PDB file of N, CA and C in Angstrom:
ATOM      1  N   UNK A   1       8.150   2.048  25.254  1.00  0.00           N
ATOM      2  CA  UNK A   1       8.366   0.762  24.868  1.00  0.00           C
ATOM      3  C   UNK A   1       9.639   0.245  25.198  1.00  0.00           C
ATOM      4  N   UNK A   2       9.472  -1.031  25.193  1.00  0.00           N
ATOM      5  CA  UNK A   2      10.718  -1.344  25.695  1.00  0.00           C
ATOM      6  C   UNK A   2      11.459  -2.538  24.575  1.00  0.00           C
ATOM      7  N   UNK A   3      10.671  -2.307  23.351  1.00  0.00           N
ATOM      8  CA  UNK A   3      11.378  -3.412  22.615  1.00  0.00           C
ATOM      9  C   UNK A   3      11.374  -4.426  22.085  1.00  0.00           C
ATOM     10  N   UNK A   4      10.405  -5.064  23.074  1.00  0.00           N
ATOM     11  CA  UNK A   4       9.692  -6.291  23.347  1.00  0.00           C
ATOM     12  C   UNK A   4       8.876  -6.393  21.830  1.00  0.00           C
ATOM     13  N   UNK A   5       8.821  -7.267  21.393  1.00  0.00           N
ATOM     14  CA  UNK A   5       7.391  -7.664  20.044  1.00  0.00           C
ATOM     15  C   UNK A   5       6.098  -7.560  20.484  1.00  0.00           C
ATOM     16  N   UNK A   6       6.030  -7.720  21.867  1.00  0.00           N
ATOM     17  CA  UNK A   6       4.663  -7.688  22.427  1.00  0.00           C
ATOM     18  C   UNK A   6       4.035  -5.725  22.387  1.00  0.00           C
ATOM     19  N   UNK A   7       5.071  -5.165  22.421  1.00  0.00           N
ATOM     20  CA  UNK A   7       5.152  -3.600  22.397  1.00  0.00           C
ATOM     21  C   UNK A   7       4.870  -3.297  21.157  1.00  0.00           C
ATOM     22  N   UNK A   8       5.157  -3.900  19.892  1.00  0.00           N
ATOM     23  CA  UNK A   8       5.109  -3.362  18.625  1.00  0.00           C
ATOM     24  C   UNK A   8       3.566  -2.689  18.394  1.00  0.00           C
ATOM     25  N   UNK A   9       3.120  -1.601  17.659  1.00  0.00           N
ATOM     26  CA  UNK A   9       1.483  -1.451  17.299  1.00  0.00           C
ATOM     27  C   UNK A   9       1.440  -2.213  15.843  1.00  0.00           C
ATOM     28  N   UNK A  10       0.902  -3.430  15.877  1.00  0.00           N
ATOM     29  CA  UNK A  10       1.078  -4.213  14.929  1.00  0.00           C
ATOM     30  C   UNK A  10       0.115  -3.619  13.831  1.00  0.00           C
ATOM     31  N   UNK A  11      -0.967  -2.608  14.825  1.00  0.00           N
ATOM     32  CA  UNK A  11      -1.851  -1.756  13.305  1.00  0.00           C
ATOM     33  C   UNK A  11      -1.373  -0.690  12.739  1.00  0.00           C
ATOM     34  N   UNK A  12      -0.669  -0.031  13.511  1.00  0.00           N
ATOM     35  CA  UNK A  12       0.048   1.314  12.783  1.00  0.00           C
ATOM     36  C   UNK A  12       0.687   0.909  11.673  1.00  0.00           C
ATOM     37  N   UNK A  13       0.246   2.157  10.771  1.00  0.00           N
ATOM     38  CA  UNK A  13       1.081   1.681   9.141  1.00  0.00           C
ATOM     39  C   UNK A  13       2.136   2.378   9.724  1.00  0.00           C
ATOM     40  N   UNK A  14       3.161   1.481   8.474  1.00  0.00           N
ATOM     41  CA  UNK A  14       4.735   1.639   8.324  1.00  0.00           C
ATOM     42  C   UNK A  14       4.685   3.598   7.996  1.00  0.00           C
ATOM     43  N   UNK A  15       6.286   3.496   8.956  1.00  0.00           N
ATOM     44  CA  UNK A  15       6.410   4.955   8.795  1.00  0.00           C
ATOM     45  C   UNK A  15       6.319   5.358   7.221  1.00  0.00           C
ATOM     46  N   UNK A  16       5.708   6.877   6.806  1.00  0.00           N
ATOM     47  CA  UNK A  16       5.797   7.141   5.757  1.00  0.00           C
ATOM     48  C   UNK A  16       4.880   6.961   4.331  1.00  0.00           C
ATOM     49  N   UNK A  17       3.957   5.885   5.070  1.00  0.00           N
ATOM     50  CA  UNK A  17       2.879   5.602   4.339  1.00  0.00           C
ATOM     51  C   UNK A  17       1.702   6.173   4.607  1.00  0.00           C
ATOM     52  N   UNK A  18       1.626   6.732   5.616  1.00  0.00           N
ATOM     53  CA  UNK A  18       0.153   7.813   5.753  1.00  0.00           C
ATOM     54  C   UNK A  18       0.236   8.724   4.648  1.00  0.00           C
ATOM     55  N   UNK A  19       1.500   9.378   4.072  1.00  0.00           N
ATOM     56  CA  UNK A  19       1.186  10.415   3.497  1.00  0.00           C
ATOM     57  C   UNK A  19       1.158  10.212   2.077  1.00  0.00           C
ATOM     58  N   UNK A  20       0.759   9.021   1.367  1.00  0.00           N
ATOM     59  CA  UNK A  20       0.244   8.613   0.311  1.00  0.00           C
ATOM     60  C   UNK A  20      -1.260   8.658   0.158  1.00  0.00           C
ATOM     61  N   UNK A  21      -1.976   9.173  -0.190  1.00  0.00           N
ATOM     62  CA  UNK A  21      -3.550   9.227  -0.155  1.00  0.00           C
ATOM     63  C   UNK A  21      -4.136   8.006  -1.032  1.00  0.00           C
ATOM     64  N   UNK A  22      -5.595   7.568  -0.576  1.00  0.00           N
ATOM     65  CA  UNK A  22      -5.944   7.039  -1.559  1.00  0.00           C
ATOM     66  C   UNK A  22      -6.243   7.458  -2.698  1.00  0.00           C
ATOM     67  N   UNK A  23      -6.225   6.724  -3.822  1.00  0.00           N
ATOM     68  CA  UNK A  23      -6.459   7.351  -5.033  1.00  0.00           C
ATOM     69  C   UNK A  23      -5.174   7.587  -5.889  1.00  0.00           C
ATOM     70  N   UNK A  24      -4.074   7.728  -4.906  1.00  0.00           N
ATOM     71  CA  UNK A  24      -2.803   8.128  -6.122  1.00  0.00           C
ATOM     72  C   UNK A  24      -2.459   6.979  -6.627  1.00  0.00           C
ATOM     73  N   UNK A  25      -1.859   7.386  -7.756  1.00  0.00           N
ATOM     74  CA  UNK A  25      -1.051   6.414  -8.788  1.00  0.00           C
ATOM     75  C   UNK A  25       0.410   5.926  -8.005  1.00  0.00           C
ATOM     76  N   UNK A  26       0.437   4.261  -7.998  1.00  0.00           N
ATOM     77  CA  UNK A  26       1.603   4.373  -7.294  1.00  0.00           C
ATOM     78  C   UNK A  26       2.537   3.404  -7.937  1.00  0.00           C
ATOM     79  N   UNK A  27       3.943   2.731  -7.468  1.00  0.00           N
ATOM     80  CA  UNK A  27       4.184   1.798  -8.119  1.00  0.00           C
ATOM     81  C   UNK A  27       5.093   1.085  -7.254  1.00  0.00           C
ATOM     82  N   UNK A  28       5.206  -0.277  -7.467  1.00  0.00           N
ATOM     83  CA  UNK A  28       5.827  -1.215  -6.537  1.00  0.00           C
ATOM     84  C   UNK A  28       7.456  -0.873  -6.988  1.00  0.00           C
ATOM     85  N   UNK A  29       8.348  -0.462  -6.849  1.00  0.00           N
ATOM     86  CA  UNK A  29       9.802  -0.983  -7.972  1.00  0.00           C
ATOM     87  C   UNK A  29      10.123  -2.208  -7.712  1.00  0.00           C
ATOM     88  N   UNK A  30       9.731  -3.021  -6.751  1.00  0.00           N
ATOM     89  CA  UNK A  30      10.310  -4.254  -6.546  1.00  0.00           C
ATOM     90  C   UNK A  30      10.081  -5.153  -7.484  1.00  0.00           C
ATOM     91  N   UNK A  31       8.403  -4.990  -7.902  1.00  0.00           N
ATOM     92  CA  UNK A  31       7.701  -5.959  -8.968  1.00  0.00           C
ATOM     93  C   UNK A  31       7.543  -4.989 -10.106  1.00  0.00           C
ATOM     94  N   UNK A  32       7.689  -3.528  -9.961  1.00  0.00           N
ATOM     95  CA  UNK A  32       7.463  -2.939 -11.376  1.00  0.00           C
ATOM     96  C   UNK A  32       5.915  -3.116 -11.455  1.00  0.00           C
ATOM     97  N   UNK A  33       5.078  -3.087 -11.003  1.00  0.00           N
ATOM     98  CA  UNK A  33       3.460  -2.859 -10.889  1.00  0.00           C
ATOM     99  C   UNK A  33       3.095  -1.399 -10.617  1.00  0.00           C
ATOM    100  N   UNK A  34       2.488  -0.812 -11.571  1.00  0.00           N
ATOM    101  CA  UNK A  34       1.901   0.479 -11.328  1.00  0.00           C
ATOM    102  C   UNK A  34       0.258   0.467 -10.779  1.00  0.00           C
ATOM    103  N   UNK A  35      -0.108   1.107 -10.115  1.00  0.00           N
ATOM    104  CA  UNK A  35      -1.504   0.815 -10.247  1.00  0.00           C
ATOM    105  C   UNK A  35      -2.160   2.037  -9.025  1.00  0.00           C
ATOM    106  N   UNK A  36      -3.196   1.919  -8.807  1.00  0.00           N
ATOM    107  CA  UNK A  36      -4.535   3.334  -7.779  1.00  0.00           C
ATOM    108  C   UNK A  36      -4.000   2.475  -6.717  1.00  0.00           C
ATOM    109  N   UNK A  37      -3.839   3.508  -5.508  1.00  0.00           N
ATOM    110  CA  UNK A  37      -4.002   2.710  -4.308  1.00  0.00           C
ATOM    111  C   UNK A  37      -4.849   2.898  -3.556  1.00  0.00           C
ATOM    112  N   UNK A  38      -5.965   1.594  -3.567  1.00  0.00           N
ATOM    113  CA  UNK A  38      -6.850   2.096  -2.723  1.00  0.00           C
ATOM    114  C   UNK A  38      -7.236   2.306  -1.454  1.00  0.00           C
ATOM    115  N   UNK A  39      -6.797   1.330  -0.557  1.00  0.00           N
ATOM    116  CA  UNK A  39      -6.299   1.343   0.912  1.00  0.00           C
ATOM    117  C   UNK A  39      -5.291   0.795   1.646  1.00  0.00           C
ATOM    118  N   UNK A  40      -5.200   1.389   2.776  1.00  0.00           N
ATOM    119  CA  UNK A  40      -4.017   0.547   3.553  1.00  0.00           C
ATOM    120  C   UNK A  40      -4.164   0.381   4.904  1.00  0.00           C
ATOM    121  N   UNK A  41      -4.428  -0.912   5.211  1.00  0.00           N
ATOM    122  CA  UNK A  41      -5.137  -1.568   6.554  1.00  0.00           C
ATOM    123  C   UNK A  41      -4.472  -2.563   6.838  1.00  0.00           C
ATOM    124  N   UNK A  42      -4.843  -2.750   8.250  1.00  0.00           N
ATOM    125  CA  UNK A  42      -4.400  -4.014   9.002  1.00  0.00           C
ATOM    126  C   UNK A  42      -5.201  -5.427   8.234  1.00  0.00           C
ATOM    127  N   UNK A  43      -4.297  -6.440   8.154  1.00  0.00           N
ATOM    128  CA  UNK A  43      -4.839  -7.466   6.951  1.00  0.00           C
ATOM    129  C   UNK A  43      -4.234  -8.913   7.116  1.00  0.00           C
ATOM    130  N   UNK A  44      -5.181 -10.072   7.587  1.00  0.00           N
ATOM    131  CA  UNK A  44      -4.030 -11.492   7.530  1.00  0.00           C
ATOM    132  C   UNK A  44      -4.797 -11.998   6.591  1.00  0.00           C
ATOM    133  N   UNK A  45      -4.062 -12.533   5.543  1.00  0.00           N
ATOM    134  CA  UNK A  45      -4.844 -13.034   4.229  1.00  0.00           C
ATOM    135  C   UNK A  45      -5.602 -14.642   4.830  1.00  0.00           C
ATOM    136  N   UNK A  46      -6.485 -15.001   4.481  1.00  0.00           N
ATOM    137  CA  UNK A  46      -7.318 -16.042   5.110  1.00  0.00           C
ATOM    138  C   UNK A  46      -6.404 -17.522   4.968  1.00  0.00           C
ATOM    139  N   UNK A  47      -5.148 -17.544   4.249  1.00  0.00           N
ATOM    140  CA  UNK A  47      -4.507 -18.545   4.233  1.00  0.00           C
ATOM    141  C   UNK A  47      -3.234 -18.516   5.558  1.00  0.00           C
ATOM    142  N   UNK A  48      -3.437 -17.381   6.081  1.00  0.00           N
ATOM    143  CA  UNK A  48      -2.411 -17.381   7.287  1.00  0.00           C
ATOM    144  C   UNK A  48      -3.023 -16.554   8.251  1.00  0.00           C
ATOM    145  N   UNK A  49      -4.393 -16.975   8.395  1.00  0.00           N
ATOM    146  CA  UNK A  49      -4.835 -16.590  10.024  1.00  0.00           C
ATOM    147  C   UNK A  49      -4.454 -16.682  11.557  1.00  0.00           C
ATOM    148  N   UNK A  50      -2.780 -17.696  10.946  1.00  0.00           N
ATOM    149  CA  UNK A  50      -2.355 -17.525  12.597  1.00  0.00           C
ATOM    150  C   UNK A  50      -1.494 -16.667  12.728  1.00  0.00           C
ATOM    151  N   UNK A  51      -1.519 -15.548  12.238  1.00  0.00           N
ATOM    152  CA  UNK A  51      -0.664 -14.523  11.950  1.00  0.00           C
ATOM    153  C   UNK A  51      -1.577 -13.208  12.713  1.00  0.00           C
ATOM    154  N   UNK A  52      -0.262 -12.582  13.574  1.00  0.00           N
ATOM    155  CA  UNK A  52      -1.392 -11.106  13.671  1.00  0.00           C
ATOM    156  C   UNK A  52      -1.295  -9.873  12.480  1.00  0.00           C
ATOM    157  N   UNK A  53      -2.239  -9.405  12.245  1.00  0.00           N
ATOM    158  CA  UNK A  53      -2.403  -8.265  11.059  1.00  0.00           C
ATOM    159  C   UNK A  53      -1.214  -7.754  10.994  1.00  0.00           C
ATOM    160  N   UNK A  54      -1.191  -7.741   9.835  1.00  0.00           N
ATOM    161  CA  UNK A  54       0.142  -6.472   9.192  1.00  0.00           C
ATOM    162  C   UNK A  54      -0.359  -5.018   8.311  1.00  0.00           C
ATOM    163  N   UNK A  55       0.244  -4.027   8.734  1.00  0.00           N
ATOM    164  CA  UNK A  55      -0.389  -3.272   7.635  1.00  0.00           C
ATOM    165  C   UNK A  55      -0.213  -3.565   6.067  1.00  0.00           C
ATOM    166  N   UNK A  56      -1.213  -3.508   5.078  1.00  0.00           N
ATOM    167  CA  UNK A  56      -1.042  -4.059   3.826  1.00  0.00           C
ATOM    168  C   UNK A  56      -1.866  -3.086   2.895  1.00  0.00           C
ATOM    169  N   UNK A  57      -1.281  -2.822   1.696  1.00  0.00           N
ATOM    170  CA  UNK A  57      -1.716  -2.076   0.684  1.00  0.00           C
ATOM    171  C   UNK A  57      -2.392  -2.828  -0.054  1.00  0.00           C
ATOM    172  N   UNK A  58      -3.686  -2.506  -0.644  1.00  0.00           N
ATOM    173  CA  UNK A  58      -4.369  -2.619  -1.541  1.00  0.00           C
ATOM    174  C   UNK A  58      -4.249  -1.927  -2.857  1.00  0.00           C
ATOM    175  N   UNK A  59      -3.581  -2.476  -3.992  1.00  0.00           N
ATOM    176  CA  UNK A  59      -3.176  -2.009  -5.212  1.00  0.00           C
ATOM    177  C   UNK A  59      -4.483  -1.990  -6.383  1.00  0.00           C
ATOM    178  N   UNK A  60      -5.050  -1.382  -6.893  1.00  0.00           N
ATOM    179  CA  UNK A  60      -5.657  -1.638  -8.312  1.00  0.00           C
ATOM    180  C   UNK A  60      -4.948  -1.085  -9.658  1.00  0.00           C
ATOM    181  N   UNK A  61      -5.126  -2.055 -10.431  1.00  0.00           N
ATOM    182  CA  UNK A  61      -4.787  -1.665 -11.860  1.00  0.00           C
ATOM    183  C   UNK A  61      -5.430  -0.263 -12.508  1.00  0.00           C
ATOM    184  N   UNK A  62      -4.450   0.524 -12.978  1.00  0.00           N
ATOM    185  CA  UNK A  62      -5.158   1.452 -13.669  1.00  0.00           C
ATOM    186  C   UNK A  62      -6.363   1.144 -14.695  1.00  0.00           C
ATOM    187  N   UNK A  63      -7.308   1.236 -14.908  1.00  0.00           N
ATOM    188  CA  UNK A  63      -8.222   0.848 -15.916  1.00  0.00           C
ATOM    189  C   UNK A  63      -8.886  -0.377 -15.394  1.00  0.00           C
ATOM    190  N   UNK A  64      -9.012  -0.663 -13.982  1.00  0.00           N
ATOM    191  CA  UNK A  64      -9.585  -1.673 -13.485  1.00  0.00           C
ATOM    192  C   UNK A  64      -9.030  -3.331 -13.664  1.00  0.00           C
ATOM    193  N   UNK A  65      -9.011  -4.240 -12.655  1.00  0.00           N
ATOM    194  CA  UNK A  65      -8.768  -5.429 -12.720  1.00  0.00           C
ATOM    195  C   UNK A  65      -8.801  -5.850 -11.367  1.00  0.00           C
ATOM    196  N   UNK A  66      -7.815  -6.932 -11.612  1.00  0.00           N
ATOM    197  CA  UNK A  66      -7.495  -7.657  -9.867  1.00  0.00           C
ATOM    198  C   UNK A  66      -6.747  -6.926  -9.135  1.00  0.00           C
ATOM    199  N   UNK A  67      -7.239  -6.697  -7.818  1.00  0.00           N
ATOM    200  CA  UNK A  67      -6.508  -6.032  -6.739  1.00  0.00           C
ATOM    201  C   UNK A  67      -5.179  -6.743  -6.620  1.00  0.00           C
ATOM    202  N   UNK A  68      -4.227  -6.181  -5.801  1.00  0.00           N
ATOM    203  CA  UNK A  68      -3.143  -6.854  -5.344  1.00  0.00           C
ATOM    204  C   UNK A  68      -2.758  -6.249  -3.993  1.00  0.00           C
ATOM    205  N   UNK A  69      -1.865  -7.195  -3.443  1.00  0.00           N
ATOM    206  CA  UNK A  69      -1.510  -6.827  -2.180  1.00  0.00           C
ATOM    207  C   UNK A  69       0.000  -6.366  -1.962  1.00  0.00           C
ATOM    208  N   UNK A  70       0.585  -5.683  -1.195  1.00  0.00           N
ATOM    209  CA  UNK A  70       1.604  -5.325  -1.167  1.00  0.00           C
ATOM    210  C   UNK A  70       2.280  -4.704  -0.027  1.00  0.00           C
ATOM    211  N   UNK A  71       3.339  -4.685   0.543  1.00  0.00           N
ATOM    212  CA  UNK A  71       3.874  -4.121   1.703  1.00  0.00           C
ATOM    213  C   UNK A  71       3.698  -2.493   1.460  1.00  0.00           C
ATOM    214  N   UNK A  72       3.185  -1.743   2.108  1.00  0.00           N
ATOM    215  CA  UNK A  72       2.557  -0.331   1.892  1.00  0.00           C
ATOM    216  C   UNK A  72       4.113   0.265   2.023  1.00  0.00           C
ATOM    217  N   UNK A  73       5.178   0.001   2.558  1.00  0.00           N
ATOM    218  CA  UNK A  73       6.451   0.880   2.758  1.00  0.00           C
ATOM    219  C   UNK A  73       7.117   0.640   1.524  1.00  0.00           C
ATOM    220  N   UNK A  74       6.964  -0.465   0.166  1.00  0.00           N
ATOM    221  CA  UNK A  74       7.592  -0.197  -0.823  1.00  0.00           C
ATOM    222  C   UNK A  74       6.833   0.559  -2.159  1.00  0.00           C
ATOM    223  N   UNK A  75       6.239   1.106  -1.655  1.00  0.00           N
ATOM    224  CA  UNK A  75       5.478   2.086  -2.778  1.00  0.00           C
ATOM    225  C   UNK A  75       5.786   3.263  -2.549  1.00  0.00           C
ATOM    226  N   UNK A  76       5.923   3.531  -4.133  1.00  0.00           N
ATOM    227  CA  UNK A  76       6.283   5.281  -4.379  1.00  0.00           C
ATOM    228  C   UNK A  76       5.548   6.011  -5.082  1.00  0.00           C
ATOM    229  N   UNK A  77       4.592   6.990  -4.825  1.00  0.00           N
ATOM    230  CA  UNK A  77       3.999   7.811  -5.658  1.00  0.00           C
ATOM    231  C   UNK A  77       4.613   7.967  -6.838  1.00  0.00           C
ATOM    232  N   UNK A  78       3.966   8.043  -7.963  1.00  0.00           N
ATOM    233  CA  UNK A  78       4.076   8.330  -9.533  1.00  0.00           C
ATOM    234  C   UNK A  78       3.581   9.166  -9.840  1.00  0.00           C
ATOM    235  N   UNK A  79       4.329  10.640 -10.293  1.00  0.00           N
ATOM    236  CA  UNK A  79       3.997  11.599 -10.582  1.00  0.00           C
ATOM    237  C   UNK A  79       3.702  11.735 -11.836  1.00  0.00           C
ATOM    238  N   UNK A  80       3.134  13.018 -12.665  1.00  0.00           N
ATOM    239  CA  UNK A  80       2.947  12.913 -13.794  1.00  0.00           C
ATOM    240  C   UNK A  80       4.160  12.796 -15.080  1.00  0.00           C
ATOM    241  N   UNK A  81       5.193  13.089 -14.277  1.00  0.00           N
ATOM    242  CA  UNK A  81       6.602  13.404 -15.255  1.00  0.00           C
ATOM    243  C   UNK A  81       7.213  11.622 -15.457  1.00  0.00           C
ATOM    244  N   UNK A  82       6.442  10.710 -14.874  1.00  0.00           N
ATOM    245  CA  UNK A  82       6.418   9.186 -15.485  1.00  0.00           C
ATOM    246  C   UNK A  82       5.597   8.684 -16.462  1.00  0.00           C
ATOM    247  N   UNK A  83       4.846   9.578 -16.564  1.00  0.00           N
ATOM    248  CA  UNK A  83       3.601   9.020 -17.978  1.00  0.00           C
ATOM    249  C   UNK A  83       2.929   8.408 -17.419  1.00  0.00           C
ATOM    250  N   UNK A  84       2.578   8.768 -16.121  1.00  0.00           N
ATOM    251  CA  UNK A  84       1.118   8.133 -15.397  1.00  0.00           C
ATOM    252  C   UNK A  84       0.132   8.631 -15.878  1.00  0.00           C
ATOM    253  N   UNK A  85      -1.199   7.740 -16.230  1.00  0.00           N
ATOM    254  CA  UNK A  85      -2.357   8.566 -16.241  1.00  0.00           C
ATOM    255  C   UNK A  85      -2.905   9.805 -15.064  1.00  0.00           C
ATOM    256  N   UNK A  86      -2.725   9.003 -13.742  1.00  0.00           N
ATOM    257  CA  UNK A  86      -2.984   9.967 -12.962  1.00  0.00           C
ATOM    258  C   UNK A  86      -1.801  10.644 -12.317  1.00  0.00           C
ATOM    259  N   UNK A  87      -1.928  11.649 -11.351  1.00  0.00           N
ATOM    260  CA  UNK A  87      -0.506  12.183 -11.077  1.00  0.00           C
ATOM    261  C   UNK A  87      -1.445  11.949  -9.318  1.00  0.00           C
ATOM    262  N   UNK A  88      -0.501  12.414  -8.174  1.00  0.00           N
ATOM    263  CA  UNK A  88      -1.085  12.113  -6.776  1.00  0.00           C
ATOM    264  C   UNK A  88      -2.503  12.639  -6.704  1.00  0.00           C
ATOM    265  N   UNK A  89      -3.187  11.919  -5.922  1.00  0.00           N
ATOM    266  CA  UNK A  89      -4.436  12.380  -5.225  1.00  0.00           C
ATOM    267  C   UNK A  89      -5.451  11.420  -5.946  1.00  0.00           C
ATOM    268  N   UNK A  90      -6.371  11.671  -5.693  1.00  0.00           N
ATOM    269  CA  UNK A  90      -7.647  11.056  -6.353  1.00  0.00           C
ATOM    270  C   UNK A  90      -7.914  11.155  -8.059  1.00  0.00           C
ATOM    271  N   UNK A  91      -7.608   9.885  -8.788  1.00  0.00           N
ATOM    272  CA  UNK A  91      -7.849   9.907 -10.105  1.00  0.00           C
ATOM    273  C   UNK A  91      -9.191  10.985 -10.716  1.00  0.00           C
ATOM    274  N   UNK A  92      -8.528  11.305 -11.862  1.00  0.00           N
ATOM    275  CA  UNK A  92     -10.165  12.101 -12.445  1.00  0.00           C
ATOM    276  C   UNK A  92      -9.498  12.750 -13.923  1.00  0.00           C
TER     277      UNK A  92
END
């Protein structure tokens, strides 16, 4: 890699986010929202079709509801000690 933006792997997950498995209870500390990680994938919102795909986390509220998107590097797993309904791993 030469450091040019053309050398960036736009589809690679951000460092550290590949360690959080789908189904894990996560928190976005910036927004304070907590939910279950559904997926991390390359995504371009429809209203921003002119941009390159970026790694995007899709998170669903515990108990159901509308998913939201968040930069995956902001997510932190929530353990049982925080009082979450689910610990790391698949809900169940």
